[in-house]
Amino acid sequence: MKIGGLSIVLILGIINFLLLLFQLSSGLRWIKVRMTVHRKTGILLFIVALCHAVLAYLTS
């Protein structure tokens, strides 16, 4: 499965990495965001990581 020549699993992996960097930087207070934003992006990170893992498992 590809979008614009890139694998969906790769795209989800890049999104996971960016969300993880955001969670880390907001958790360590390098950037200041509200706790609700931090919590909602954490939930989004879990959902995207789960989709990434399921698709990677199904394509292998």
C-alpha atoms as a PDB file:
ATOM      1  CA  MET A   1       0.000   0.000   0.000  1.00  0.00           C
ATOM      2  CA  LYS A   2       1.467   3.273  -1.139  1.00  0.00           C
ATOM      3  CA  ILE A   3       0.491   6.921  -1.236  1.00  0.00           C
ATOM      4  CA  GLY A   4       2.388   9.019  -3.749  1.00  0.00           C
ATOM      5  CA  GLY A   5       5.123   6.398  -4.037  1.00  0.00           C
ATOM      6  CA  LEU A   6       5.685   6.211  -0.260  1.00  0.00           C
ATOM      7  CA  SER A   7       4.625   3.311   1.904  1.00  0.00           C
ATOM      8  CA  ILE A   8       1.795   4.002   4.349  1.00  0.00           C
ATOM      9  CA  VAL A   9       3.811   2.242   7.049  1.00  0.00           C
ATOM     10  CA  LEU A  10       6.709   4.632   6.444  1.00  0.00           C
ATOM     11  CA  ILE A  11       4.414   7.670   6.573  1.00  0.00           C
ATOM     12  CA  LEU A  12       2.876   6.479   9.845  1.00  0.00           C
ATOM     13  CA  GLY A  13       6.354   5.841  11.235  1.00  0.00           C
ATOM     14  CA  ILE A  14       7.418   9.408  10.464  1.00  0.00           C
ATOM     15  CA  ILE A  15       4.230  10.744  12.061  1.00  0.00           C
ATOM     16  CA  ASN A  16       4.941   8.562  15.125  1.00  0.00           C
ATOM     17  CA  PHE A  17       8.425   9.988  15.409  1.00  0.00           C
ATOM     18  CA  LEU A  18       7.187  13.586  15.174  1.00  0.00           C
ATOM     19  CA  LEU A  19       4.458  12.962  17.746  1.00  0.00           C
ATOM     20  CA  LEU A  20       6.979  11.300  20.045  1.00  0.00           C
ATOM     21  CA  LEU A  21       9.313  14.303  19.765  1.00  0.00           C
ATOM     22  CA  PHE A  22       6.419  16.618  20.581  1.00  0.00           C
ATOM     23  CA  GLN A  23       5.393  14.524  23.587  1.00  0.00           C
ATOM     24  CA  LEU A  24       8.952  14.428  24.888  1.00  0.00           C
ATOM     25  CA  SER A  25       9.564  18.137  24.438  1.00  0.00           C
ATOM     26  CA  SER A  26       6.254  19.151  25.986  1.00  0.00           C
ATOM     27  CA  GLY A  27       6.640  16.672  28.842  1.00  0.00           C
ATOM     28  CA  LEU A  28      10.097  17.997  29.678  1.00  0.00           C
ATOM     29  CA  ARG A  29       8.732  21.565  29.366  1.00  0.00           C
ATOM     30  CA  TRP A  30      11.067  22.520  26.516  1.00  0.00           C
ATOM     31  CA  ILE A  31       7.941  23.856  24.838  1.00  0.00           C
ATOM     32  CA  LYS A  32       4.957  25.003  26.847  1.00  0.00           C
ATOM     33  CA  VAL A  33       1.557  23.614  25.948  1.00  0.00           C
ATOM     34  CA  ARG A  34      -1.571  23.004  27.964  1.00  0.00           C
ATOM     35  CA  MET A  35      -1.953  19.646  29.654  1.00  0.00           C
ATOM     36  CA  THR A  36      -5.037  18.903  27.548  1.00  0.00           C
ATOM     37  CA  VAL A  37      -2.999  19.319  24.344  1.00  0.00           C
ATOM     38  CA  HIS A  38      -0.285  17.054  25.747  1.00  0.00           C
ATOM     39  CA  ARG A  39      -2.892  14.437  26.719  1.00  0.00           C
ATOM     40  CA  LYS A  40      -4.709  14.530  23.371  1.00  0.00           C
ATOM     41  CA  THR A  41      -1.496  14.196  21.363  1.00  0.00           C
ATOM     42  CA  GLY A  42      -0.542  11.265  23.588  1.00  0.00           C
ATOM     43  CA  ILE A  43      -3.809   9.548  22.693  1.00  0.00           C
ATOM     44  CA  LEU A  44      -3.206  10.355  19.022  1.00  0.00           C
ATOM     45  CA  LEU A  45       0.307   8.927  19.309  1.00  0.00           C
ATOM     46  CA  PHE A  46      -1.117   5.669  20.684  1.00  0.00           C
ATOM     47  CA  ILE A  47      -3.687   5.375  17.877  1.00  0.00           C
ATOM     48  CA  VAL A  48      -1.173   6.137  15.109  1.00  0.00           C
ATOM     49  CA  ALA A  49       1.392   3.751  16.629  1.00  0.00           C
ATOM     50  CA  LEU A  50      -1.222   0.998  16.800  1.00  0.00           C
ATOM     51  CA  CYS A  51      -2.177   1.527  13.140  1.00  0.00           C
ATOM     52  CA  HIS A  52       1.508   1.590  12.209  1.00  0.00           C
ATOM     53  CA  ALA A  53       2.142  -1.695  14.016  1.00  0.00           C
ATOM     54  CA  VAL A  54      -0.906  -3.472  12.579  1.00  0.00           C
ATOM     55  CA  LEU A  55      -0.123  -2.395   9.009  1.00  0.00           C
ATOM     56  CA  ALA A  56       3.544  -3.332   9.382  1.00  0.00           C
ATOM     57  CA  TYR A  57       2.533  -6.769  10.668  1.00  0.00           C
ATOM     58  CA  LEU A  58       0.033  -7.314   7.853  1.00  0.00           C
ATOM     59  CA  THR A  59       2.450  -6.277   5.099  1.00  0.00           C
ATOM     60  CA  SER A  60       5.285  -8.521   6.285  1.00  0.00           C
END
